[in-house]
Amino acid sequence: MNGNLIMSNILNPPVLFFFLGMTAVFVKSDLEIPAPVPKLLSLYLLFAIGFKGGVELIKSGVTQEVLLTLLAAMLMACFVPIYTFFILKLKLDTYDAAAIAATYGSISAVTFITASAFLTELGMDFDGYMVAALALMESPAIIVGLILVNLFTVDGKREFAWKEVLQEAFLNSSVFLLVGSLVIGFLTGEHGWQVLEPFTQGMFYGVLTFFLLDMGLVAARRIKDLQKTGIFLISFAILIPILNAGIGLLLAKLIGMSQGDALLFAVLCASASYIAVPAAMRLTVPEANPSLYVSTALAVTFPFNIIVGIPLYLYGINLLWR
């Protein structure tokens, strides 16, 4: 793989500030982001990427490629938790296996946004409808994970408050804001973009950079939890994203996506949720150990994807699309 791709990704200000956050924890600095601020930054990023996606979607229109991409996104969101569950069952009980499988079947919006910034730095185009794929992939894995728990627990008759489950899966703040912003961007189009551009575009990279600084702090603090996971889960947290990205790239090639869209789709397939799914699993599967599914996604897969994974997947695209 071309080392220049990795270096161009690492030397992006947002990624460097992620390293700075991790370094602050390692050297025991008292650097800390007040609790309400990261939540506000994450809401802003979801709003900005959703609104821009809606504006771009109205430009591209709903074509056959768009529909195939959205279908592939939903299929991957259901397929990944099923096959990873059986891999995880080799070493873990049903509850932990299902929770981790759901985590890896869902997505990380911040990884997607970081990949978008990487493509912008490289001058590679991508389509706004990929934000719709992002929105569609967040929730199905939660449902699949709970179905797996219901099928493979000892009595096989575990009851869930499905109304609460569905509300958490489809109406949690990140999904609701992302979809809502997408719809508003679609309805207002270019006029809406011109009105909000100073806010949605001018501030975007600064907010992303500050948010990744906080993510570096959080990820470094979670590294201690990796002692509880063992080499099996650490290996899983690196190899499974690569495998999922590979499957995603093959689907992207079959659909005929552009290289920029293919990278974003691969990143969606390779990422793991550390916000929406953990919140749902804590509510519905309290038997699962949060330190397992949160630390693998946040302390291993997230840093791997934003440092090595994104340029690695782009290298695969360069080979397949050559």
Protein backbone atom coordinates (compact mmCIF):
# COMPACT_ATOMS: atom_id res chain seq x y z
CA MET A 1 0.00 0.00 0.00
CA ASN A 2 1.22 3.50 -0.80
CA GLY A 3 2.56 4.99 2.43
CA ASN A 4 1.63 8.45 1.17
CA LEU A 5 -2.06 7.61 1.64
CA ILE A 6 -1.53 6.79 5.31
CA MET A 7 0.61 9.87 5.86
CA SER A 8 -1.87 12.17 4.12
CA ASN A 9 -4.57 10.80 6.40
CA ILE A 10 -2.51 10.98 9.59
CA LEU A 11 -1.34 14.52 8.83
CA ASN A 12 -4.91 15.83 8.62
CA PRO A 13 -5.55 18.23 11.54
CA PRO A 14 -8.58 16.25 12.86
CA VAL A 15 -6.57 13.01 13.05
CA LEU A 16 -3.58 14.76 14.62
CA PHE A 17 -5.85 16.23 17.30
CA PHE A 18 -7.18 12.70 17.92
CA PHE A 19 -3.56 11.69 18.66
CA LEU A 20 -3.19 14.76 20.86
CA GLY A 21 -6.18 13.66 22.95
CA MET A 22 -4.73 10.18 23.39
CA THR A 23 -1.34 11.62 24.29
CA ALA A 24 -2.93 13.82 26.95
CA VAL A 25 -4.24 10.72 28.72
CA PHE A 26 -0.98 8.79 28.37
CA VAL A 27 1.10 11.61 29.89
CA LYS A 28 -1.59 12.22 32.56
CA SER A 29 -2.42 15.76 31.52
CA ASP A 30 -5.51 17.30 33.11
CA LEU A 31 -6.92 18.17 29.67
CA GLU A 32 -10.67 17.54 29.71
CA ILE A 33 -13.64 18.55 27.56
CA PRO A 34 -16.69 19.45 29.71
CA ALA A 35 -19.40 16.79 29.39
CA PRO A 36 -22.11 18.77 27.51
CA VAL A 37 -19.68 19.99 24.82
CA PRO A 38 -18.97 16.64 23.03
CA LYS A 39 -22.73 15.98 22.81
CA LEU A 40 -23.27 19.39 21.21
CA LEU A 41 -20.40 18.81 18.77
CA SER A 42 -21.72 15.40 17.76
CA LEU A 43 -25.20 16.84 17.16
CA TYR A 44 -23.69 19.59 15.01
CA LEU A 45 -21.72 17.09 12.91
CA LEU A 46 -24.82 14.93 12.34
CA PHE A 47 -26.85 18.00 11.42
CA ALA A 48 -24.21 19.32 9.00
CA ILE A 49 -23.54 16.02 7.23
CA GLY A 50 -27.27 15.21 7.06
CA PHE A 51 -28.23 18.61 5.66
CA LYS A 52 -25.48 18.52 3.04
CA GLY A 53 -26.49 14.97 2.11
CA GLY A 54 -30.08 16.07 1.53
CA VAL A 55 -28.98 18.93 -0.71
CA GLU A 56 -26.74 16.62 -2.73
CA LEU A 57 -29.45 13.96 -2.93
CA ILE A 58 -31.85 16.33 -4.68
CA LYS A 59 -29.09 17.08 -7.22
CA SER A 60 -28.36 13.43 -8.00
CA GLY A 61 -31.97 12.26 -7.87
CA VAL A 62 -33.21 8.81 -6.85
CA THR A 63 -31.60 6.60 -9.49
CA GLN A 64 -31.17 2.84 -9.78
CA GLU A 65 -27.66 3.16 -8.33
CA VAL A 66 -29.03 5.03 -5.32
CA LEU A 67 -31.67 2.38 -4.65
CA LEU A 68 -29.17 -0.47 -5.05
CA THR A 69 -26.75 1.26 -2.69
CA LEU A 70 -29.41 1.73 -0.02
CA LEU A 71 -30.49 -1.89 -0.41
CA ALA A 72 -26.88 -3.08 -0.09
CA ALA A 73 -26.48 -0.92 3.02
CA MET A 74 -29.47 -2.52 4.72
CA LEU A 75 -28.35 -6.02 3.74
CA MET A 76 -24.91 -5.44 5.24
CA ALA A 77 -26.46 -4.03 8.42
CA CYS A 78 -28.37 -7.32 8.82
CA PHE A 79 -25.72 -9.73 7.51
CA VAL A 80 -22.74 -8.53 9.58
CA PRO A 81 -24.30 -9.11 13.04
CA ILE A 82 -25.47 -12.59 12.00
CA TYR A 83 -22.16 -13.97 10.77
CA THR A 84 -20.06 -12.22 13.43
CA PHE A 85 -22.35 -13.60 16.15
CA PHE A 86 -21.36 -17.16 15.29
CA ILE A 87 -17.66 -16.23 15.26
CA LEU A 88 -17.98 -14.59 18.67
CA LYS A 89 -19.94 -17.55 20.06
CA LEU A 90 -16.74 -19.61 19.77
CA LYS A 91 -15.38 -17.75 22.81
CA LEU A 92 -18.23 -15.78 24.39
CA ASP A 93 -21.69 -16.39 25.79
CA THR A 94 -24.83 -15.48 23.85
CA TYR A 95 -25.36 -12.10 25.51
CA ASP A 96 -21.86 -10.75 24.91
CA ALA A 97 -21.69 -12.26 21.41
CA ALA A 98 -25.00 -10.67 20.39
CA ALA A 99 -24.10 -7.26 21.85
CA ILE A 100 -20.72 -7.15 20.11
CA ALA A 101 -22.19 -8.46 16.85
CA ALA A 102 -24.84 -5.71 16.91
CA THR A 103 -22.13 -3.15 17.60
CA TYR A 104 -20.21 -4.21 14.48
CA GLY A 105 -23.35 -4.47 12.37
CA SER A 106 -24.11 -0.82 13.03
CA ILE A 107 -21.97 2.18 12.07
CA SER A 108 -19.86 5.05 13.38
CA ALA A 109 -21.03 8.39 12.01
CA VAL A 110 -17.77 10.06 13.07
CA THR A 111 -15.70 7.55 11.08
CA PHE A 112 -17.90 8.29 8.07
CA ILE A 113 -17.44 12.04 8.56
CA THR A 114 -13.67 11.61 8.91
CA ALA A 115 -13.61 9.62 5.65
CA SER A 116 -15.62 12.40 3.96
CA ALA A 117 -13.04 14.93 5.13
CA PHE A 118 -10.25 12.68 3.82
CA LEU A 119 -11.91 12.53 0.38
CA THR A 120 -12.34 16.30 0.36
CA GLU A 121 -8.63 16.74 1.12
CA LEU A 122 -7.80 14.44 -1.80
CA GLY A 123 -10.23 16.25 -4.11
CA MET A 124 -12.32 13.10 -4.69
CA ASP A 125 -16.04 13.53 -5.30
CA PHE A 126 -18.73 11.60 -3.45
CA ASP A 127 -22.53 11.70 -3.55
CA GLY A 128 -24.87 13.00 -0.88
CA TYR A 129 -27.07 9.90 -0.94
CA MET A 130 -24.37 8.06 1.03
CA VAL A 131 -25.71 9.92 4.06
CA ALA A 132 -29.01 8.09 3.52
CA ALA A 133 -27.06 4.81 3.59
CA LEU A 134 -25.50 5.98 6.86
CA ALA A 135 -28.93 6.60 8.37
CA LEU A 136 -30.32 3.26 7.21
CA MET A 137 -27.42 1.22 8.62
CA GLU A 138 -27.55 2.47 12.20
CA SER A 139 -30.65 0.70 13.50
CA PRO A 140 -31.20 -2.76 11.88
CA ALA A 141 -28.26 -4.34 13.73
CA ILE A 142 -29.92 -3.59 17.07
CA ILE A 143 -33.01 -5.53 16.03
CA VAL A 144 -30.95 -8.43 14.65
CA GLY A 145 -28.88 -8.56 17.85
CA LEU A 146 -32.00 -8.84 20.01
CA ILE A 147 -33.45 -11.54 17.76
CA LEU A 148 -30.20 -13.51 18.16
CA VAL A 149 -30.45 -13.20 21.94
CA ASN A 150 -34.03 -14.45 21.80
CA LEU A 151 -33.12 -17.42 19.60
CA PHE A 152 -29.99 -18.58 21.38
CA THR A 153 -30.60 -18.03 25.08
CA VAL A 154 -31.23 -21.22 27.04
CA ASP A 155 -34.99 -20.92 27.29
CA GLY A 156 -35.36 -19.21 23.92
CA LYS A 157 -38.29 -17.19 25.25
CA ARG A 158 -36.67 -14.00 26.43
CA GLU A 159 -39.14 -11.11 26.37
CA PHE A 160 -38.24 -7.60 25.26
CA ALA A 161 -40.19 -4.38 25.55
CA TRP A 162 -40.22 -4.08 21.76
CA LYS A 163 -41.81 -0.63 21.82
CA GLU A 164 -38.83 0.71 23.77
CA VAL A 165 -36.40 -1.25 21.59
CA LEU A 166 -37.81 0.15 18.36
CA GLN A 167 -37.92 3.66 19.79
CA GLU A 168 -34.27 3.40 20.84
CA ALA A 169 -33.29 1.95 17.47
CA PHE A 170 -35.10 4.33 15.15
CA LEU A 171 -35.84 7.45 17.19
CA ASN A 172 -32.63 7.90 19.15
CA SER A 173 -31.20 11.42 18.89
CA SER A 174 -28.49 10.65 16.33
CA VAL A 175 -30.78 8.83 13.88
CA PHE A 176 -33.61 11.33 14.31
CA LEU A 177 -31.40 14.38 13.74
CA LEU A 178 -29.53 12.80 10.84
CA VAL A 179 -32.70 11.76 9.00
CA GLY A 180 -34.45 15.02 9.82
CA SER A 181 -31.54 17.10 8.53
CA LEU A 182 -31.39 14.97 5.40
CA VAL A 183 -35.08 15.57 4.70
CA ILE A 184 -34.81 19.32 5.35
CA GLY A 185 -31.76 19.57 3.08
CA PHE A 186 -33.68 17.70 0.38
CA LEU A 187 -36.72 19.99 0.72
CA THR A 188 -34.80 23.29 0.76
CA GLY A 189 -32.17 22.35 -1.83
CA GLU A 190 -29.63 24.88 -3.09
CA HIS A 191 -31.41 27.84 -1.52
CA GLY A 192 -31.22 26.24 1.92
CA TRP A 193 -27.56 25.42 1.37
CA GLN A 194 -26.71 29.03 0.50
CA VAL A 195 -28.47 30.25 3.63
CA LEU A 196 -26.74 27.81 5.99
CA GLU A 197 -23.39 27.35 4.23
CA PRO A 198 -21.39 29.60 6.64
CA PHE A 199 -22.65 27.40 9.50
CA THR A 200 -22.71 23.95 7.90
CA GLN A 201 -19.53 24.29 5.81
CA GLY A 202 -17.39 27.06 7.32
CA MET A 203 -17.40 25.63 10.85
CA PHE A 204 -17.41 21.95 9.90
CA TYR A 205 -13.69 21.09 9.99
CA GLY A 206 -13.08 23.08 13.17
CA VAL A 207 -15.88 21.25 14.98
CA LEU A 208 -14.73 17.87 13.63
CA THR A 209 -11.19 18.59 14.83
CA PHE A 210 -12.34 19.53 18.32
CA PHE A 211 -14.64 16.51 18.48
CA LEU A 212 -11.82 14.14 17.53
CA LEU A 213 -9.67 15.69 20.26
CA ASP A 214 -12.34 14.57 22.73
CA MET A 215 -12.59 11.16 21.03
CA GLY A 216 -8.85 10.73 21.54
CA LEU A 217 -9.30 11.37 25.27
CA VAL A 218 -12.18 8.88 25.49
CA ALA A 219 -10.47 6.18 23.41
CA ALA A 220 -7.24 6.35 25.46
CA ARG A 221 -9.19 5.98 28.69
CA ARG A 222 -10.91 2.89 27.28
CA ILE A 223 -7.62 1.16 26.47
CA LYS A 224 -7.46 -0.17 30.04
CA ASP A 225 -10.65 -2.13 29.36
CA LEU A 226 -8.86 -4.06 26.61
CA GLN A 227 -7.16 -6.11 29.32
CA LYS A 228 -10.56 -7.72 29.89
CA THR A 229 -11.12 -8.58 26.23
CA GLY A 230 -8.05 -10.71 25.50
CA ILE A 231 -6.27 -11.24 22.20
CA PHE A 232 -9.34 -12.85 20.60
CA LEU A 233 -11.49 -9.71 20.74
CA ILE A 234 -8.61 -7.37 19.89
CA SER A 235 -7.92 -9.43 16.77
CA PHE A 236 -11.65 -9.50 16.00
CA ALA A 237 -11.85 -5.70 16.31
CA ILE A 238 -9.16 -5.29 13.62
CA LEU A 239 -9.74 -8.19 11.22
CA ILE A 240 -13.54 -8.07 11.01
CA PRO A 241 -13.61 -4.42 9.85
CA ILE A 242 -11.12 -5.30 7.10
CA LEU A 243 -13.27 -8.25 6.03
CA ASN A 244 -16.47 -6.17 6.12
CA ALA A 245 -14.81 -3.41 4.11
CA GLY A 246 -13.70 -5.99 1.53
CA ILE A 247 -17.26 -7.28 1.17
CA GLY A 248 -18.47 -3.70 0.92
CA LEU A 249 -15.98 -2.91 -1.85
CA LEU A 250 -17.07 -5.94 -3.87
CA LEU A 251 -20.71 -4.84 -3.57
CA ALA A 252 -19.74 -1.28 -4.51
CA LYS A 253 -17.94 -2.57 -7.60
CA LEU A 254 -20.96 -4.65 -8.63
CA ILE A 255 -23.31 -1.69 -8.17
CA GLY A 256 -20.99 0.60 -10.11
CA MET A 257 -20.29 3.20 -7.44
CA SER A 258 -17.71 5.92 -7.95
CA GLN A 259 -14.46 5.57 -6.02
CA GLY A 260 -15.47 8.21 -3.48
CA ASP A 261 -18.82 6.56 -2.80
CA ALA A 262 -17.16 3.15 -2.62
CA LEU A 263 -14.79 4.38 0.10
CA LEU A 264 -17.66 5.77 2.17
CA PHE A 265 -19.62 2.54 1.75
CA ALA A 266 -16.58 0.47 2.77
CA VAL A 267 -16.11 2.68 5.84
CA LEU A 268 -19.75 2.22 6.81
CA CYS A 269 -19.38 -1.56 6.50
CA ALA A 270 -16.12 -1.53 8.47
CA SER A 271 -17.08 0.80 11.31
CA ALA A 272 -18.70 -0.09 14.63
CA SER A 273 -21.16 1.82 16.78
CA TYR A 274 -20.00 3.15 20.13
CA ILE A 275 -23.04 5.35 20.88
CA ALA A 276 -26.41 4.10 19.59
CA VAL A 277 -25.93 0.33 19.94
CA PRO A 278 -24.28 0.41 23.38
CA ALA A 279 -27.14 2.57 24.65
CA ALA A 280 -29.69 0.08 23.28
CA MET A 281 -27.79 -2.97 24.56
CA ARG A 282 -27.54 -1.55 28.08
CA LEU A 283 -31.29 -1.06 28.05
CA THR A 284 -32.30 -4.42 26.58
CA VAL A 285 -29.44 -6.86 27.27
CA PRO A 286 -28.07 -5.92 30.72
CA GLU A 287 -26.39 -9.35 30.97
CA ALA A 288 -23.84 -8.30 28.32
CA ASN A 289 -20.61 -6.74 29.57
CA PRO A 290 -20.37 -3.11 28.30
CA SER A 291 -16.58 -3.06 28.69
CA LEU A 292 -16.37 -5.68 25.93
CA TYR A 293 -18.52 -4.11 23.23
CA VAL A 294 -17.66 -0.47 24.01
CA SER A 295 -13.88 -0.88 24.36
CA THR A 296 -13.47 -2.99 21.21
CA ALA A 297 -15.43 -0.52 19.09
CA LEU A 298 -14.05 2.67 20.60
CA ALA A 299 -10.49 1.81 21.66
CA VAL A 300 -9.56 -0.52 18.78
CA THR A 301 -11.81 -0.33 15.71
CA PHE A 302 -12.38 3.43 15.72
CA PRO A 303 -8.67 4.40 15.91
CA PHE A 304 -7.74 1.64 13.46
CA ASN A 305 -10.25 2.89 10.90
CA ILE A 306 -9.38 6.57 11.06
CA ILE A 307 -5.61 5.99 11.07
CA VAL A 308 -5.03 2.90 8.90
CA GLY A 309 -8.40 1.66 7.66
CA ILE A 310 -9.48 4.62 5.53
CA PRO A 311 -6.26 4.71 3.44
CA LEU A 312 -6.20 0.89 3.34
CA TYR A 313 -9.71 0.74 1.89
CA LEU A 314 -8.82 3.46 -0.64
CA TYR A 315 -5.83 1.36 -1.69
CA GLY A 316 -8.20 -1.56 -2.28
CA ILE A 317 -10.41 0.71 -4.38
CA ASN A 318 -7.44 1.78 -6.48
CA LEU A 319 -6.74 -1.90 -7.19
CA LEU A 320 -10.35 -2.90 -7.95
CA TRP A 321 -11.24 0.20 -10.01
CA ARG A 322 -7.95 0.26 -11.96
